[in-house]
Protein backbone atom coordinates (compact mmCIF):
# COMPACT_ATOMS: atom_id res chain seq x y z
CA UNK A 1 0.00 0.00 0.00
CA UNK A 2 2.82 2.42 0.91
CA UNK A 3 4.60 1.75 -2.40
CA UNK A 4 1.30 2.24 -4.21
CA UNK A 5 0.68 5.63 -2.60
CA UNK A 6 4.19 6.78 -3.55
CA UNK A 7 3.64 5.71 -7.12
CA UNK A 8 0.41 7.69 -7.32
CA UNK A 9 2.24 10.82 -6.24
CA UNK A 10 4.83 10.46 -8.99
CA UNK A 11 3.09 9.01 -12.05
CA UNK A 12 -0.24 8.64 -13.77
CA UNK A 13 -2.48 5.60 -13.23
CA UNK A 14 -2.12 4.39 -16.80
CA UNK A 15 1.67 4.28 -16.88
CA UNK A 16 2.16 2.57 -13.51
CA UNK A 17 -0.82 0.25 -13.31
CA UNK A 18 1.00 -2.90 -14.40
CA UNK A 19 3.59 -2.33 -11.68
CA UNK A 20 1.12 -1.61 -8.92
CA UNK A 21 -1.29 -4.52 -9.37
CA UNK A 22 0.83 -6.96 -7.30
CA UNK A 23 1.04 -4.41 -4.50
CA UNK A 24 -2.68 -3.77 -4.54
CA UNK A 25 -3.77 -7.38 -4.81
CA UNK A 26 -3.86 -8.11 -1.06
CA UNK A 27 -5.47 -4.76 -0.24
CA UNK A 28 -8.02 -3.93 -2.93
CA UNK A 29 -11.62 -5.04 -3.26
CA UNK A 30 -11.96 -4.15 -6.92
CA UNK A 31 -14.49 -1.44 -6.12
CA UNK A 32 -14.31 2.30 -6.68
CA UNK A 33 -14.17 3.10 -2.97
CA UNK A 34 -10.59 1.97 -2.39
CA UNK A 35 -9.33 3.94 -5.40
CA UNK A 36 -11.29 7.07 -4.68
CA UNK A 37 -9.77 7.09 -1.20
CA UNK A 38 -6.33 7.60 -2.74
CA UNK A 39 -7.52 10.03 -5.36
CA UNK A 40 -7.75 8.10 -8.60
CA UNK A 41 -10.07 6.36 -11.02
CA UNK A 42 -10.98 2.70 -10.54
CA UNK A 43 -11.44 1.87 -14.21
CA UNK A 44 -8.29 -0.34 -14.45
CA UNK A 45 -9.23 -2.17 -11.26
CA UNK A 46 -12.38 -3.49 -12.90
CA UNK A 47 -10.20 -5.50 -15.27
CA UNK A 48 -8.48 -7.45 -12.49
CA UNK A 49 -10.84 -7.73 -9.48
CA UNK A 50 -8.48 -9.60 -7.12
CA UNK A 51 -11.36 -10.76 -4.93
CA UNK A 52 -13.91 -11.44 -7.69
CA UNK A 53 -16.64 -13.30 -5.81
CA UNK A 54 -16.40 -11.07 -2.76
CA UNK A 55 -16.51 -7.96 -4.97
CA UNK A 56 -19.73 -9.04 -6.67
CA UNK A 57 -21.33 -10.02 -3.38
CA UNK A 58 -20.27 -6.75 -1.81
CA UNK A 59 -21.72 -4.78 -4.71
CA UNK A 60 -24.98 -6.69 -4.44
CA UNK A 61 -24.98 -5.96 -0.72
CA UNK A 62 -24.34 -2.27 -1.31
CA UNK A 63 -27.07 -2.18 -3.96
CA UNK A 64 -29.48 -3.85 -1.54
CA UNK A 65 -28.69 -1.31 1.14
CA UNK A 66 -29.27 1.49 -1.38
CA UNK A 67 -32.69 0.13 -2.35
CA UNK A 68 -33.62 -0.31 1.30
CA UNK A 69 -32.82 3.33 1.95
CA UNK A 70 -34.41 4.69 -1.24
CA UNK A 71 -37.23 2.25 -1.99
CA UNK A 72 -40.61 3.76 -0.99
CA UNK A 73 -42.16 0.34 -0.38
CA UNK A 74 -39.45 -1.17 1.84
CA UNK A 75 -40.66 -1.85 5.40
CA UNK A 76 -39.20 -4.93 7.19
CA UNK A 77 -36.21 -3.25 8.85
CA UNK A 78 -37.49 0.31 9.00
CA UNK A 79 -37.50 0.41 12.81
CA UNK A 80 -33.92 -0.86 13.01
CA UNK A 81 -32.78 1.73 10.47
CA UNK A 82 -34.46 4.50 12.45
CA UNK A 83 -32.68 3.36 15.60
CA UNK A 84 -29.35 3.38 13.78
CA UNK A 85 -29.96 6.86 12.35
CA UNK A 86 -30.93 8.22 15.76
CA UNK A 87 -27.81 6.73 17.30
CA UNK A 88 -25.59 8.18 14.60
CA UNK A 89 -27.06 11.68 14.76
CA UNK A 90 -27.45 11.91 18.52
CA UNK A 91 -23.84 12.94 19.00
CA UNK A 92 -21.67 13.51 15.93
CA UNK A 93 -18.22 11.97 16.30
CA UNK A 94 -15.25 13.41 14.43
CA UNK A 95 -13.66 10.48 12.64
CA UNK A 96 -10.97 11.15 10.01
CA UNK A 97 -11.57 9.67 6.59
CA UNK A 98 -9.42 6.61 5.95
CA UNK A 99 -6.58 6.75 3.46
CA UNK A 100 -7.58 3.41 1.97
CA UNK A 101 -10.42 0.87 2.06
CA UNK A 102 -10.54 -2.68 0.75
CA UNK A 103 -11.33 -6.34 1.34
CA UNK A 104 -8.82 -8.98 2.38
CA UNK A 105 -9.57 -12.53 1.27
CA UNK A 106 -8.82 -14.85 4.20
CA UNK A 107 -10.45 -18.09 2.97
CA UNK A 108 -12.91 -20.15 5.02
CA UNK A 109 -13.43 -23.36 6.95
CA UNK A 110 -15.59 -25.03 4.30
CA UNK A 111 -13.61 -23.88 1.29
CA UNK A 112 -15.68 -20.73 0.82
CA UNK A 113 -13.80 -17.50 0.30
CA UNK A 114 -14.42 -14.86 2.91
CA UNK A 115 -13.47 -11.21 2.91
CA UNK A 116 -12.54 -8.91 5.78
CA UNK A 117 -13.42 -5.27 5.12
CA UNK A 118 -10.67 -2.98 6.32
CA UNK A 119 -9.61 0.64 6.28
CA UNK A 120 -6.24 2.27 6.83
CA UNK A 121 -5.59 5.58 8.60
CA UNK A 122 -2.38 7.56 8.72
CA UNK A 123 -1.29 11.16 9.20
CA UNK A 124 1.49 13.05 7.41
CA UNK A 125 4.89 12.43 8.98
CA UNK A 126 4.05 9.09 10.59
CA UNK A 127 6.48 6.17 10.43
CA UNK A 128 6.20 4.26 7.16
CA UNK A 129 8.22 1.19 8.12
CA UNK A 130 5.78 0.30 10.93
CA UNK A 131 2.10 -0.55 11.12
CA UNK A 132 -0.59 -1.29 13.71
CA UNK A 133 -3.64 -3.56 13.27
CA UNK A 134 -6.60 -2.98 15.60
CA UNK A 135 -9.37 -5.55 16.23
CA UNK A 136 -12.73 -4.54 17.71
CA UNK A 137 -14.79 -6.43 20.29
CA UNK A 138 -17.65 -8.93 20.14
CA UNK A 139 -20.70 -7.73 18.11
CA UNK A 140 -18.93 -4.42 17.41
CA UNK A 141 -17.42 -3.09 14.17
CA UNK A 142 -15.39 -0.23 12.75
CA UNK A 143 -18.56 1.82 12.33
CA UNK A 144 -19.80 0.94 15.81
CA UNK A 145 -16.62 2.28 17.41
CA UNK A 146 -16.71 5.38 15.20
CA UNK A 147 -20.26 6.36 16.24
CA UNK A 148 -19.74 5.69 19.95
CA UNK A 149 -20.92 2.11 20.44
CA UNK A 150 -17.73 1.25 22.31
CA UNK A 151 -15.22 3.72 23.79
CA UNK A 152 -12.43 3.38 21.23
CA UNK A 153 -13.24 5.82 18.44
CA UNK A 154 -10.00 7.60 19.36
CA UNK A 155 -7.90 4.63 18.27
CA UNK A 156 -7.49 6.33 14.87
CA UNK A 157 -5.04 8.67 16.62
CA UNK A 158 -2.50 5.86 16.31
CA UNK A 159 -2.28 7.01 12.69
CA UNK A 160 -0.22 9.96 13.93
CA UNK A 161 2.54 7.52 14.96
CA UNK A 162 2.28 4.85 12.27
CA UNK A 163 -0.27 3.65 9.69
CA UNK A 164 -3.26 2.03 11.40
CA UNK A 165 -5.44 -0.68 9.86
CA UNK A 166 -8.85 -1.40 11.37
CA UNK A 167 -11.16 -4.09 10.06
CA UNK A 168 -14.51 -5.76 10.63
CA UNK A 169 -13.89 -9.22 12.04
CA UNK A 170 -15.64 -12.07 10.24
CA UNK A 171 -19.38 -11.97 10.82
CA UNK A 172 -19.21 -8.36 12.02
CA UNK A 173 -19.94 -5.10 10.24
CA UNK A 174 -19.44 -5.42 6.48
CA UNK A 175 -17.30 -8.57 6.56
CA UNK A 176 -18.57 -11.93 5.37
CA UNK A 177 -20.23 -14.29 7.81
CA UNK A 178 -18.91 -17.68 8.91
CA UNK A 179 -20.04 -20.27 11.43
CA UNK A 180 -19.79 -20.42 15.24
CA UNK A 181 -16.46 -22.30 15.15
CA UNK A 182 -15.05 -19.61 12.86
CA UNK A 183 -15.77 -16.95 15.47
CA UNK A 184 -13.66 -18.48 18.22
CA UNK A 185 -10.72 -16.43 19.44
CA UNK A 186 -8.05 -18.78 17.99
CA UNK A 187 -9.76 -18.59 14.58
CA UNK A 188 -9.91 -14.79 14.75
CA UNK A 189 -6.22 -14.80 15.69
CA UNK A 190 -5.46 -16.68 12.46
CA UNK A 191 -7.37 -14.02 10.49
CA UNK A 192 -5.21 -11.39 12.16
CA UNK A 193 -2.05 -13.25 11.11
CA UNK A 194 -3.30 -13.29 7.51
CA UNK A 195 -3.93 -9.56 7.74
CA UNK A 196 -0.36 -9.09 8.95
CA UNK A 197 1.05 -11.14 6.08
CA UNK A 198 -0.88 -9.10 3.51
CA UNK A 199 0.30 -5.81 4.99
CA UNK A 200 4.06 -6.13 4.63
CA UNK A 201 5.56 -3.78 7.22
CA UNK A 202 9.00 -4.06 8.77
CA UNK A 203 7.68 -3.50 12.30
CA UNK A 204 4.20 -4.77 13.05
CA UNK A 205 2.13 -4.06 16.16
CA UNK A 206 -1.29 -5.50 16.97
CA UNK A 207 -3.97 -4.96 19.56
CA UNK A 208 -7.64 -4.79 20.25
CA UNK A 209 -10.41 -4.57 22.79
CA UNK A 210 -12.15 -7.50 24.49
CA UNK A 211 -12.50 -10.17 21.77
CA UNK A 212 -9.90 -8.24 19.78
CA UNK A 213 -7.44 -8.39 22.67
CA UNK A 214 -7.90 -12.17 22.86
CA UNK A 215 -7.42 -12.54 19.09
CA UNK A 216 -4.22 -10.50 19.35
CA UNK A 217 -2.84 -12.85 22.00
CA UNK A 218 -3.49 -15.87 19.79
CA UNK A 219 -1.88 -14.13 16.81
CA UNK A 220 1.20 -13.31 18.91
CA UNK A 221 1.48 -16.97 19.94
CA UNK A 222 1.17 -18.17 16.35
CA UNK A 223 3.85 -15.81 15.03
CA UNK A 224 5.92 -14.64 18.01
CA UNK A 225 8.73 -13.20 15.88
CA UNK A 226 6.44 -11.31 13.49
CA UNK A 227 5.29 -8.64 15.91
CA UNK A 228 7.02 -5.90 17.88
CA UNK A 229 4.37 -5.00 20.45
CA UNK A 230 0.86 -5.63 21.79
CA UNK A 231 -1.98 -3.49 23.11
CA UNK A 232 -4.63 -5.37 25.13
CA UNK A 233 -7.58 -3.11 25.93
CA UNK A 234 -10.42 -4.21 28.25
CA UNK A 235 -9.41 -7.89 28.17
CA UNK A 236 -12.38 -10.25 28.66
CA UNK A 237 -13.15 -12.84 31.32
CA UNK A 238 -11.04 -16.00 31.32
CA UNK A 239 -10.59 -19.43 32.86
CA UNK A 240 -12.85 -20.22 35.85
CA UNK A 241 -14.47 -16.79 35.79
CA UNK A 242 -15.33 -17.14 32.12
CA UNK A 243 -17.16 -20.40 32.67
CA UNK A 244 -19.65 -18.47 34.81
CA UNK A 245 -20.52 -16.29 31.81
CA UNK A 246 -20.93 -19.04 29.22
CA UNK A 247 -24.56 -19.68 30.33
CA UNK A 248 -25.28 -15.96 29.81
CA UNK A 249 -24.04 -16.12 26.22
CA UNK A 250 -26.14 -19.20 25.53
CA UNK A 251 -29.17 -17.62 27.22
CA UNK A 252 -28.80 -14.59 24.95
CA UNK A 253 -28.75 -16.91 21.95
CA UNK A 254 -31.83 -18.76 23.17
CA UNK A 255 -33.75 -15.53 23.85
CA UNK A 256 -32.78 -14.15 20.45
CA UNK A 257 -33.86 -17.21 18.51
CA UNK A 258 -37.12 -17.45 20.45
CA UNK A 259 -38.16 -13.79 20.46
CA UNK A 260 -35.85 -12.01 18.04
CA UNK A 261 -33.15 -9.44 18.73
CA UNK A 262 -35.75 -7.11 20.23
CA UNK A 263 -36.32 -9.64 23.03
CA UNK A 264 -32.57 -10.02 23.54
CA UNK A 265 -32.24 -6.25 23.83
CA UNK A 266 -35.10 -6.10 26.35
CA UNK A 267 -33.42 -8.74 28.53
CA UNK A 268 -30.04 -7.00 28.24
CA UNK A 269 -31.59 -3.66 29.22
CA UNK A 270 -32.80 -5.19 32.48
CA UNK A 271 -29.26 -6.22 33.50
CA UNK A 272 -27.02 -3.97 35.56
CA UNK A 273 -24.60 -1.99 33.43
CA UNK A 274 -21.06 -1.06 34.49
CA UNK A 275 -21.22 1.90 36.90
CA UNK A 276 -18.19 3.46 35.20
CA UNK A 277 -20.33 3.84 32.05
CA UNK A 278 -23.46 5.04 33.83
CA UNK A 279 -21.59 7.94 35.43
CA UNK A 280 -21.28 9.86 32.13
CA UNK A 281 -23.53 10.71 29.20
CA UNK A 282 -21.20 9.11 26.66
CA UNK A 283 -20.99 5.99 28.76
CA UNK A 284 -24.77 5.74 29.04
CA UNK A 285 -25.12 6.02 25.25
CA UNK A 286 -22.97 2.94 24.70
CA UNK A 287 -25.93 0.63 25.25
CA UNK A 288 -28.28 2.22 22.70
CA UNK A 289 -25.61 2.76 20.04
CA UNK A 290 -24.15 -0.69 20.60
CA UNK A 291 -27.53 -2.33 20.22
CA UNK A 292 -28.19 -0.52 16.95
CA UNK A 293 -25.08 -2.32 15.68
CA UNK A 294 -26.29 -5.67 17.02
CA UNK A 295 -29.64 -5.16 15.28
CA UNK A 296 -27.84 -4.49 12.02
CA UNK A 297 -25.92 -7.78 12.35
CA UNK A 298 -29.10 -9.79 11.96
CA UNK A 299 -30.23 -12.75 14.02
CA UNK A 300 -27.98 -15.44 12.55
CA UNK A 301 -24.73 -13.53 12.73
CA UNK A 302 -25.49 -12.26 16.23
CA UNK A 303 -26.22 -15.76 17.54
CA UNK A 304 -23.26 -17.36 15.75
CA UNK A 305 -20.79 -14.84 17.15
CA UNK A 306 -22.10 -15.36 20.69
CA UNK A 307 -21.81 -19.13 20.30
CA UNK A 308 -18.23 -18.62 19.12
CA UNK A 309 -17.53 -16.53 22.22
CA UNK A 310 -19.01 -19.27 24.42
CA UNK A 311 -16.50 -21.72 22.90
CA UNK A 312 -13.54 -19.42 23.56
CA UNK A 313 -11.08 -18.72 26.33
CA UNK A 314 -7.67 -17.09 26.70
CA UNK A 315 -4.55 -19.19 26.08
CA UNK A 316 -3.20 -21.10 29.09
CA UNK A 317 -0.85 -19.18 31.36
CA UNK A 318 2.16 -21.30 30.46
CA UNK A 319 1.71 -20.20 26.84
CA UNK A 320 1.16 -16.55 27.78
CA UNK A 321 4.49 -16.54 29.63
CA UNK A 322 6.27 -17.13 26.34
CA UNK A 323 5.04 -13.80 24.89
CA UNK A 324 7.96 -11.46 25.50
CA UNK A 325 6.67 -8.56 23.39
CA UNK A 326 6.32 -5.12 24.95
CA UNK A 327 2.66 -5.08 25.99
CA UNK A 328 0.34 -2.30 27.08
CA UNK A 329 -2.68 -3.50 29.10
CA UNK A 330 -5.63 -1.12 29.54
CA UNK A 331 -8.59 -1.88 31.80
CA UNK A 332 -11.39 -0.13 33.65
CA UNK A 333 -13.13 -0.78 36.93
CA UNK A 334 -16.66 -2.08 37.66
CA UNK A 335 -17.19 -4.07 34.43
CA UNK A 336 -17.80 -7.74 35.24
CA UNK A 337 -17.46 -8.80 31.59
CA UNK A 338 -14.07 -7.08 31.32
CA UNK A 339 -12.80 -7.53 34.86
CA UNK A 340 -9.73 -5.89 36.29
CA UNK A 341 -8.73 -9.36 37.52
CA UNK A 342 -8.03 -10.49 33.95
CA UNK A 343 -5.89 -7.41 33.29
CA UNK A 344 -3.92 -7.98 36.50
CA UNK A 345 -3.42 -11.66 35.64
CA UNK A 346 -2.07 -10.74 32.21
CA UNK A 347 0.22 -8.13 33.74
CA UNK A 348 1.59 -10.69 36.19
CA UNK A 349 1.98 -13.34 33.47
CA UNK A 350 3.32 -11.43 30.46
CA UNK A 351 7.00 -10.73 31.25
CA UNK A 352 7.25 -7.33 29.47
CA UNK A 353 3.95 -5.60 30.23
CA UNK A 354 2.62 -2.42 31.78
CA UNK A 355 -0.87 -1.91 33.20
CA UNK A 356 -3.18 1.11 33.40
CA UNK A 357 -6.58 0.91 35.11
CA UNK A 358 -9.18 3.63 34.60
CA UNK A 359 -11.46 4.65 37.46
CA UNK A 360 -13.63 7.11 35.47
CA UNK A 361 -14.96 7.36 31.94
CA UNK A 362 -12.77 10.42 31.39
CA UNK A 363 -9.74 8.23 32.09
CA UNK A 364 -10.99 5.69 29.53
CA UNK A 365 -11.10 8.50 26.96
CA UNK A 366 -7.40 9.05 27.67
CA UNK A 367 -6.54 5.53 26.47
CA UNK A 368 -5.70 6.63 22.88
CA UNK A 369 -3.00 8.94 24.28
CA UNK A 370 -1.56 6.05 26.31
CA UNK A 371 -1.58 3.91 23.16
CA UNK A 372 0.23 6.46 21.01
CA UNK A 373 2.81 7.15 23.76
CA UNK A 374 3.44 3.41 24.10
CA UNK A 375 3.94 2.94 20.36
CA UNK A 376 6.28 5.93 20.15
CA UNK A 377 8.43 4.41 22.89
CA UNK A 378 8.45 1.06 21.11
CA UNK A 379 9.72 2.61 17.87
CA UNK A 380 12.35 4.96 19.30
């Protein structure tokens, strides 16, 4: 991608296209969006389409979304769309436009090709020999974080230090769906490794929140020499404590399949929410915005991802001890699904880690600064 951007600055599309196709192949979906993002026409891309089947499916999906928005007779998901629009317009969030968008083909368990939708952010002057890949949490997405469904919209600030790639994990956001086994944390870790291999950077860093933190740990174990640092934000429950939450995941699945996502939302609304979120307006909005994202997932994807989470756990401690990468661990108090105990265990187990625990929502909003400071230190 970096070589491609440099070529665009120096030469016309026509004269360089044959040279740039190999560079684009891992990071282009064959659509106009990825080319417009770097200021050029997509006409040549239509001749190659590196992810053919995904490109056609994505275009059909985009066309379907367009007709749903424009068609005067469309009704089935009108209420869900209204909820999403209200959530998006309730509090505008400044989110820089990505430098590049595309789809990465990562294959699939049953031989089907699957694509992960990604976007890359960077600011002028950032390091070009390094890169960071961020993975969101369970039932979240790039868009969900951007509109305030989970408190990590500020992660794009990493682009001031080095190029940042964010993506929708399989079954989330715009990415293709899989099956429950494909949503386990080890499987998501393998997707992250494939993302790393496609994005050829000299120094690679990875991290994520909740499910994304777990996927990052599995990726680091699979390729310990490929990465230069880790960021584990709001790590999830694990081991004995996690087994207490598995029935909750399965109950959510049962409620959803019996009464729809509306019933699942009603049950979730009755549960106690983390006090650290309820103490601020932004924190209180997480529930409504987050559930607009869950509604958009649809029943099957929502249930499959929860079943994948129920099958998952963190790697054993003896394996975690082998991860010697510089690691930043970020946690917050009073959230039983992302307990401080997990963060403290990781800090005690990972030999080269530092831990920060937030006591207020304002301190959570300071996490992007802690991330960028950590990455600057790692690259000095």
